[in-house]
């Protein structure tokens, strides 16, 4: 089974969470902050990564909630 990361992406109605490879958004909310909270909850349940995008589509940040064999050494959390 391959892991399906959860992405926080811009949406015409605000921000959305979208699983990797999915055809449509999972949850659409007004703010990016709320979308990130929802994505983190889902990622923790599924032990996958959250990938946060900017409005222009570039990646802003990512956090892993799974069994990462090479965890990052960042100190942001």
PDB file of N, CA and C in Angstrom:
ATOM      1  N   UNK A   1       0.830  -1.180   0.000  1.00  0.00           N
ATOM      2  CA  UNK A   1       0.000   0.000   0.000  1.00  0.00           C
ATOM      3  C   UNK A   1       0.878   1.249   0.000  1.00  0.00           C
ATOM      4  N   UNK A   2       0.590   2.176  -0.880  1.00  0.00           N
ATOM      5  CA  UNK A   2       1.359   3.405  -0.934  1.00  0.00           C
ATOM      6  C   UNK A   2       0.698   4.461  -0.062  1.00  0.00           C
ATOM      7  N   UNK A   3       1.518   5.321   0.484  1.00  0.00           N
ATOM      8  CA  UNK A   3       0.952   6.358   1.347  1.00  0.00           C
ATOM      9  C   UNK A   3       0.372   7.475   0.490  1.00  0.00           C
ATOM     10  N   UNK A   4      -0.707   8.042   0.957  1.00  0.00           N
ATOM     11  CA  UNK A   4      -1.383   9.131   0.258  1.00  0.00           C
ATOM     12  C   UNK A   4      -1.331  10.361   1.157  1.00  0.00           C
ATOM     13  N   UNK A   5      -0.368  11.245   0.899  1.00  0.00           N
ATOM     14  CA  UNK A   5      -0.216  12.452   1.706  1.00  0.00           C
ATOM     15  C   UNK A   5      -1.443  13.353   1.552  1.00  0.00           C
ATOM     16  N   UNK A   6      -1.646  14.214   2.554  1.00  0.00           N
ATOM     17  CA  UNK A   6      -2.754  15.165   2.540  1.00  0.00           C
ATOM     18  C   UNK A   6      -2.181  16.536   2.202  1.00  0.00           C
ATOM     19  N   UNK A   7      -2.738  17.170   1.183  1.00  0.00           N
ATOM     20  CA  UNK A   7      -2.270  18.484   0.743  1.00  0.00           C
ATOM     21  C   UNK A   7      -3.280  19.551   1.139  1.00  0.00           C
ATOM     22  N   UNK A   8      -2.781  20.720   1.523  1.00  0.00           N
ATOM     23  CA  UNK A   8      -3.620  21.894   1.761  1.00  0.00           C
ATOM     24  C   UNK A   8      -3.405  22.783   0.546  1.00  0.00           C
ATOM     25  N   UNK A   9      -4.475  22.985  -0.218  1.00  0.00           N
ATOM     26  CA  UNK A   9      -4.362  23.679  -1.502  1.00  0.00           C
ATOM     27  C   UNK A   9      -5.384  24.814  -1.609  1.00  0.00           C
ATOM     28  N   UNK A  10      -5.061  25.841  -2.418  1.00  0.00           N
ATOM     29  CA  UNK A  10      -6.040  26.904  -2.637  1.00  0.00           C
ATOM     30  C   UNK A  10      -7.242  26.349  -3.400  1.00  0.00           C
ATOM     31  N   UNK A  11      -8.416  26.897  -3.110  1.00  0.00           N
ATOM     32  CA  UNK A  11      -9.662  26.451  -3.744  1.00  0.00           C
ATOM     33  C   UNK A  11     -10.465  27.701  -4.085  1.00  0.00           C
ATOM     34  N   UNK A  12     -11.318  27.602  -5.065  1.00  0.00           N
ATOM     35  CA  UNK A  12     -12.105  28.779  -5.464  1.00  0.00           C
ATOM     36  C   UNK A  12     -12.969  29.316  -4.326  1.00  0.00           C
ATOM     37  N   UNK A  13     -13.323  28.476  -3.371  1.00  0.00           N
ATOM     38  CA  UNK A  13     -14.137  28.898  -2.228  1.00  0.00           C
ATOM     39  C   UNK A  13     -13.325  29.078  -0.953  1.00  0.00           C
ATOM     40  N   UNK A  14     -12.014  29.162  -1.039  1.00  0.00           N
ATOM     41  CA  UNK A  14     -11.140  29.332   0.131  1.00  0.00           C
ATOM     42  C   UNK A  14      -9.939  28.413   0.054  1.00  0.00           C
ATOM     43  N   UNK A  15      -9.881  27.431   0.970  1.00  0.00           N
ATOM     44  CA  UNK A  15      -8.791  26.462   1.024  1.00  0.00           C
ATOM     45  C   UNK A  15      -9.370  25.075   1.160  1.00  0.00           C
ATOM     46  N   UNK A  16      -8.634  24.078   0.673  1.00  0.00           N
ATOM     47  CA  UNK A  16      -9.139  22.710   0.715  1.00  0.00           C
ATOM     48  C   UNK A  16      -8.060  21.735   1.150  1.00  0.00           C
ATOM     49  N   UNK A  17      -8.512  20.607   1.684  1.00  0.00           N
ATOM     50  CA  UNK A  17      -7.623  19.482   1.923  1.00  0.00           C
ATOM     51  C   UNK A  17      -7.876  18.509   0.792  1.00  0.00           C
ATOM     52  N   UNK A  18      -6.806  17.921   0.305  1.00  0.00           N
ATOM     53  CA  UNK A  18      -6.941  16.997  -0.820  1.00  0.00           C
ATOM     54  C   UNK A  18      -5.910  15.888  -0.670  1.00  0.00           C
ATOM     55  N   UNK A  19      -6.376  14.657  -0.718  1.00  0.00           N
ATOM     56  CA  UNK A  19      -5.466  13.518  -0.646  1.00  0.00           C
ATOM     57  C   UNK A  19      -4.748  13.353  -1.974  1.00  0.00           C
ATOM     58  N   UNK A  20      -3.508  12.964  -1.896  1.00  0.00           N
ATOM     59  CA  UNK A  20      -2.705  12.746  -3.091  1.00  0.00           C
ATOM     60  C   UNK A  20      -3.405  11.766  -4.024  1.00  0.00           C
ATOM     61  N   UNK A  21      -3.567  12.157  -5.278  1.00  0.00           N
ATOM     62  CA  UNK A  21      -4.189  11.295  -6.272  1.00  0.00           C
ATOM     63  C   UNK A  21      -5.698  11.396  -6.340  1.00  0.00           C
ATOM     64  N   UNK A  22      -6.311  12.149  -5.427  1.00  0.00           N
ATOM     65  CA  UNK A  22      -7.771  12.278  -5.416  1.00  0.00           C
ATOM     66  C   UNK A  22      -8.234  13.240  -6.502  1.00  0.00           C
ATOM     67  N   UNK A  23      -9.400  12.988  -7.019  1.00  0.00           N
ATOM     68  CA  UNK A  23      -9.954  13.841  -8.062  1.00  0.00           C
ATOM     69  C   UNK A  23     -10.629  15.083  -7.524  1.00  0.00           C
ATOM     70  N   UNK A  24     -11.040  15.042  -6.254  1.00  0.00           N
ATOM     71  CA  UNK A  24     -11.725  16.199  -5.694  1.00  0.00           C
ATOM     72  C   UNK A  24     -11.270  16.461  -4.269  1.00  0.00           C
ATOM     73  N   UNK A  25     -11.612  17.640  -3.780  1.00  0.00           N
ATOM     74  CA  UNK A  25     -11.213  18.053  -2.438  1.00  0.00           C
ATOM     75  C   UNK A  25     -11.962  17.265  -1.386  1.00  0.00           C
ATOM     76  N   UNK A  26     -11.311  17.060  -0.244  1.00  0.00           N
ATOM     77  CA  UNK A  26     -11.946  16.388   0.874  1.00  0.00           C
ATOM     78  C   UNK A  26     -12.805  17.355   1.667  1.00  0.00           C
ATOM     79  N   UNK A  27     -12.205  18.451   2.123  1.00  0.00           N
ATOM     80  CA  UNK A  27     -12.897  19.462   2.917  1.00  0.00           C
ATOM     81  C   UNK A  27     -12.534  20.825   2.350  1.00  0.00           C
ATOM     82  N   UNK A  28     -13.533  21.704   2.205  1.00  0.00           N
ATOM     83  CA  UNK A  28     -13.288  23.079   1.767  1.00  0.00           C
ATOM     84  C   UNK A  28     -13.688  24.007   2.918  1.00  0.00           C
ATOM     85  N   UNK A  29     -12.764  24.883   3.308  1.00  0.00           N
ATOM     86  CA  UNK A  29     -12.988  25.821   4.417  1.00  0.00           C
ATOM     87  C   UNK A  29     -12.568  27.218   3.980  1.00  0.00           C
ATOM     88  N   UNK A  30     -12.880  28.216   4.820  1.00  0.00           N
ATOM     89  CA  UNK A  30     -12.593  29.608   4.466  1.00  0.00           C
ATOM     90  C   UNK A  30     -11.131  30.001   4.591  1.00  0.00           C
ATOM     91  N   UNK A  31     -10.436  29.470   5.617  1.00  0.00           N
ATOM     92  CA  UNK A  31      -9.063  29.921   5.879  1.00  0.00           C
ATOM     93  C   UNK A  31      -8.048  28.793   5.719  1.00  0.00           C
ATOM     94  N   UNK A  32      -6.834  29.183   5.409  1.00  0.00           N
ATOM     95  CA  UNK A  32      -5.761  28.203   5.296  1.00  0.00           C
ATOM     96  C   UNK A  32      -5.476  27.577   6.656  1.00  0.00           C
ATOM     97  N   UNK A  33      -5.580  28.367   7.719  1.00  0.00           N
ATOM     98  CA  UNK A  33      -5.326  27.861   9.070  1.00  0.00           C
ATOM     99  C   UNK A  33      -6.275  26.708   9.401  1.00  0.00           C
ATOM    100  N   UNK A  34      -7.553  26.872   9.088  1.00  0.00           N
ATOM    101  CA  UNK A  34      -8.524  25.820   9.359  1.00  0.00           C
ATOM    102  C   UNK A  34      -8.247  24.581   8.502  1.00  0.00           C
ATOM    103  N   UNK A  35      -7.861  24.789   7.250  1.00  0.00           N
ATOM    104  CA  UNK A  35      -7.531  23.667   6.368  1.00  0.00           C
ATOM    105  C   UNK A  35      -6.324  22.898   6.903  1.00  0.00           C
ATOM    106  N   UNK A  36      -5.339  23.613   7.425  1.00  0.00           N
ATOM    107  CA  UNK A  36      -4.147  22.974   7.989  1.00  0.00           C
ATOM    108  C   UNK A  36      -4.534  22.133   9.209  1.00  0.00           C
ATOM    109  N   UNK A  37      -5.391  22.671  10.075  1.00  0.00           N
ATOM    110  CA  UNK A  37      -5.827  21.926  11.259  1.00  0.00           C
ATOM    111  C   UNK A  37      -6.538  20.630  10.852  1.00  0.00           C
ATOM    112  N   UNK A  38      -7.420  20.726   9.865  1.00  0.00           N
ATOM    113  CA  UNK A  38      -8.150  19.542   9.400  1.00  0.00           C
ATOM    114  C   UNK A  38      -7.192  18.529   8.779  1.00  0.00           C
ATOM    115  N   UNK A  39      -6.237  19.019   7.981  1.00  0.00           N
ATOM    116  CA  UNK A  39      -5.273  18.136   7.325  1.00  0.00           C
ATOM    117  C   UNK A  39      -4.400  17.434   8.357  1.00  0.00           C
ATOM    118  N   UNK A  40      -3.985  18.147   9.403  1.00  0.00           N
ATOM    119  CA  UNK A  40      -3.153  17.543  10.450  1.00  0.00           C
ATOM    120  C   UNK A  40      -3.909  16.437  11.188  1.00  0.00           C
ATOM    121  N   UNK A  41      -5.172  16.694  11.495  1.00  0.00           N
ATOM    122  CA  UNK A  41      -5.979  15.663  12.157  1.00  0.00           C
ATOM    123  C   UNK A  41      -6.044  14.401  11.298  1.00  0.00           C
ATOM    124  N   UNK A  42      -6.282  14.591  10.010  1.00  0.00           N
ATOM    125  CA  UNK A  42      -6.382  13.448   9.088  1.00  0.00           C
ATOM    126  C   UNK A  42      -5.037  12.740   8.967  1.00  0.00           C
ATOM    127  N   UNK A  43      -3.957  13.499   8.844  1.00  0.00           N
ATOM    128  CA  UNK A  43      -2.624  12.912   8.689  1.00  0.00           C
ATOM    129  C   UNK A  43      -2.215  12.119   9.926  1.00  0.00           C
ATOM    130  N   UNK A  44      -2.582  12.607  11.092  1.00  0.00           N
ATOM    131  CA  UNK A  44      -2.265  11.877  12.328  1.00  0.00           C
ATOM    132  C   UNK A  44      -3.001  10.546  12.366  1.00  0.00           C
ATOM    133  N   UNK A  45      -4.265  10.541  11.939  1.00  0.00           N
ATOM    134  CA  UNK A  45      -5.047   9.299  11.916  1.00  0.00           C
ATOM    135  C   UNK A  45      -4.475   8.298  10.919  1.00  0.00           C
ATOM    136  N   UNK A  46      -4.015   8.800   9.774  1.00  0.00           N
ATOM    137  CA  UNK A  46      -3.570   7.936   8.677  1.00  0.00           C
ATOM    138  C   UNK A  46      -2.051   7.749   8.637  1.00  0.00           C
ATOM    139  N   UNK A  47      -1.320   8.421   9.538  1.00  0.00           N
ATOM    140  CA  UNK A  47       0.151   8.321   9.609  1.00  0.00           C
ATOM    141  C   UNK A  47       0.809   8.670   8.281  1.00  0.00           C
ATOM    142  N   UNK A  48       0.437   9.828   7.748  1.00  0.00           N
ATOM    143  CA  UNK A  48       1.012  10.318   6.492  1.00  0.00           C
ATOM    144  C   UNK A  48       1.539  11.736   6.694  1.00  0.00           C
ATOM    145  N   UNK A  49       1.891  12.397   5.618  1.00  0.00           N
ATOM    146  CA  UNK A  49       2.475  13.730   5.658  1.00  0.00           C
ATOM    147  C   UNK A  49       1.456  14.780   5.234  1.00  0.00           C
ATOM    148  N   UNK A  50       1.559  15.981   5.803  1.00  0.00           N
ATOM    149  CA  UNK A  50       0.766  17.134   5.384  1.00  0.00           C
ATOM    150  C   UNK A  50       1.681  18.020   4.550  1.00  0.00           C
ATOM    151  N   UNK A  51       1.224  18.388   3.361  1.00  0.00           N
ATOM    152  CA  UNK A  51       1.980  19.275   2.484  1.00  0.00           C
ATOM    153  C   UNK A  51       1.146  20.542   2.304  1.00  0.00           C
ATOM    154  N   UNK A  52       1.679  21.679   2.739  1.00  0.00           N
ATOM    155  CA  UNK A  52       0.955  22.941   2.707  1.00  0.00           C
ATOM    156  C   UNK A  52       1.447  23.773   1.528  1.00  0.00           C
ATOM    157  N   UNK A  53       0.502  24.188   0.694  1.00  0.00           N
ATOM    158  CA  UNK A  53       0.820  24.972  -0.501  1.00  0.00           C
ATOM    159  C   UNK A  53       0.470  26.447  -0.295  1.00  0.00           C
ATOM    160  N   UNK A  54       1.139  27.311  -1.059  1.00  0.00           N
ATOM    161  CA  UNK A  54       0.794  28.735  -1.096  1.00  0.00           C
ATOM    162  C   UNK A  54      -0.294  28.935  -2.156  1.00  0.00           C
ATOM    163  N   UNK A  55      -0.809  30.138  -2.247  1.00  0.00           N
ATOM    164  CA  UNK A  55      -1.832  30.452  -3.265  1.00  0.00           C
ATOM    165  C   UNK A  55      -1.320  30.181  -4.684  1.00  0.00           C
ATOM    166  N   UNK A  56      -0.023  30.391  -4.928  1.00  0.00           N
ATOM    167  CA  UNK A  56       0.519  30.184  -6.272  1.00  0.00           C
ATOM    168  C   UNK A  56       0.825  28.711  -6.562  1.00  0.00           C
ATOM    169  N   UNK A  57       0.554  27.821  -5.592  1.00  0.00           N
ATOM    170  CA  UNK A  57       0.747  26.392  -5.812  1.00  0.00           C
ATOM    171  C   UNK A  57       2.081  25.843  -5.342  1.00  0.00           C
ATOM    172  N   UNK A  58       3.025  26.726  -5.019  1.00  0.00           N
ATOM    173  CA  UNK A  58       4.320  26.245  -4.538  1.00  0.00           C
ATOM    174  C   UNK A  58       4.167  25.713  -3.109  1.00  0.00           C
ATOM    175  N   UNK A  59       5.082  24.849  -2.717  1.00  0.00           N
ATOM    176  CA  UNK A  59       5.015  24.250  -1.387  1.00  0.00           C
ATOM    177  C   UNK A  59       5.587  25.210  -0.348  1.00  0.00           C
ATOM    178  N   UNK A  60       4.802  25.474   0.680  1.00  0.00           N
ATOM    179  CA  UNK A  60       5.202  26.370   1.764  1.00  0.00           C
ATOM    180  C   UNK A  60       5.862  25.605   2.893  1.00  0.00           C
ATOM    181  N   UNK A  61       5.322  24.423   3.224  1.00  0.00           N
ATOM    182  CA  UNK A  61       5.806  23.672   4.374  1.00  0.00           C
ATOM    183  C   UNK A  61       5.271  22.245   4.287  1.00  0.00           C
ATOM    184  N   UNK A  62       5.844  21.361   5.084  1.00  0.00           N
ATOM    185  CA  UNK A  62       5.324  19.999   5.194  1.00  0.00           C
ATOM    186  C   UNK A  62       5.682  19.440   6.569  1.00  0.00           C
ATOM    187  N   UNK A  63       4.817  18.565   7.062  1.00  0.00           N
ATOM    188  CA  UNK A  63       5.027  17.915   8.351  1.00  0.00           C
ATOM    189  C   UNK A  63       4.659  16.453   8.217  1.00  0.00           C
ATOM    190  N   UNK A  64       5.473  15.581   8.786  1.00  0.00           N
ATOM    191  CA  UNK A  64       5.233  14.148   8.708  1.00  0.00           C
ATOM    192  C   UNK A  64       4.623  13.652  10.014  1.00  0.00           C
ATOM    193  N   UNK A  65       3.575  12.851   9.890  1.00  0.00           N
ATOM    194  CA  UNK A  65       2.918  12.257  11.047  1.00  0.00           C
ATOM    195  C   UNK A  65       2.938  10.737  10.953  1.00  0.00           C
ATOM    196  N   UNK A  66       3.857  10.220  10.174  1.00  0.00           N
ATOM    197  CA  UNK A  66       3.943   8.778   9.997  1.00  0.00           C
ATOM    198  C   UNK A  66       5.237   8.226  10.553  1.00  0.00           C
ATOM    199  N   UNK A  67       5.549   7.036  10.131  1.00  0.00           N
ATOM    200  CA  UNK A  67       6.789   6.377  10.537  1.00  0.00           C
ATOM    201  C   UNK A  67       7.871   6.727   9.531  1.00  0.00           C
ATOM    202  N   UNK A  68       8.409   7.914   9.657  1.00  0.00           N
ATOM    203  CA  UNK A  68       9.411   8.415   8.731  1.00  0.00           C
ATOM    204  C   UNK A  68      10.770   7.798   9.070  1.00  0.00           C
ATOM    205  N   UNK A  69      11.371   7.027   8.144  1.00  0.00           N
ATOM    206  CA  UNK A  69      12.665   6.414   8.429  1.00  0.00           C
ATOM    207  C   UNK A  69      13.800   7.430   8.532  1.00  0.00           C
ATOM    208  N   UNK A  70      13.629   8.615   7.946  1.00  0.00           N
ATOM    209  CA  UNK A  70      14.639   9.667   8.003  1.00  0.00           C
ATOM    210  C   UNK A  70      13.984  10.968   8.470  1.00  0.00           C
ATOM    211  N   UNK A  71      13.639  11.073   9.743  1.00  0.00           N
ATOM    212  CA  UNK A  71      12.933  12.265  10.207  1.00  0.00           C
ATOM    213  C   UNK A  71      13.810  13.507  10.054  1.00  0.00           C
ATOM    214  N   UNK A  72      13.179  14.654   9.739  1.00  0.00           N
ATOM    215  CA  UNK A  72      13.944  15.891   9.580  1.00  0.00           C
ATOM    216  C   UNK A  72      14.513  16.336  10.919  1.00  0.00           C
ATOM    217  N   UNK A  73      15.547  17.113  10.844  1.00  0.00           N
ATOM    218  CA  UNK A  73      16.189  17.590  12.051  1.00  0.00           C
ATOM    219  C   UNK A  73      15.794  19.038  12.339  1.00  0.00           C
ATOM    220  N   UNK A  74      14.650  19.461  11.778  1.00  0.00           N
ATOM    221  CA  UNK A  74      14.226  20.845  12.017  1.00  0.00           C
ATOM    222  C   UNK A  74      13.787  21.033  13.465  1.00  0.00           C
ATOM    223  N   UNK A  75      13.837  22.240  13.915  1.00  0.00           N
ATOM    224  CA  UNK A  75      13.519  22.558  15.309  1.00  0.00           C
ATOM    225  C   UNK A  75      12.258  23.415  15.401  1.00  0.00           C
ATOM    226  N   UNK A  76      11.416  23.430  14.379  1.00  0.00           N
ATOM    227  CA  UNK A  76      10.259  24.307  14.382  1.00  0.00           C
ATOM    228  C   UNK A  76       9.146  23.816  15.293  1.00  0.00           C
ATOM    229  N   UNK A  77       9.171  22.553  15.736  1.00  0.00           N
ATOM    230  CA  UNK A  77       8.100  22.026  16.601  1.00  0.00           C
ATOM    231  C   UNK A  77       8.661  21.530  17.908  1.00  0.00           C
TER     232      UNK A  77
END
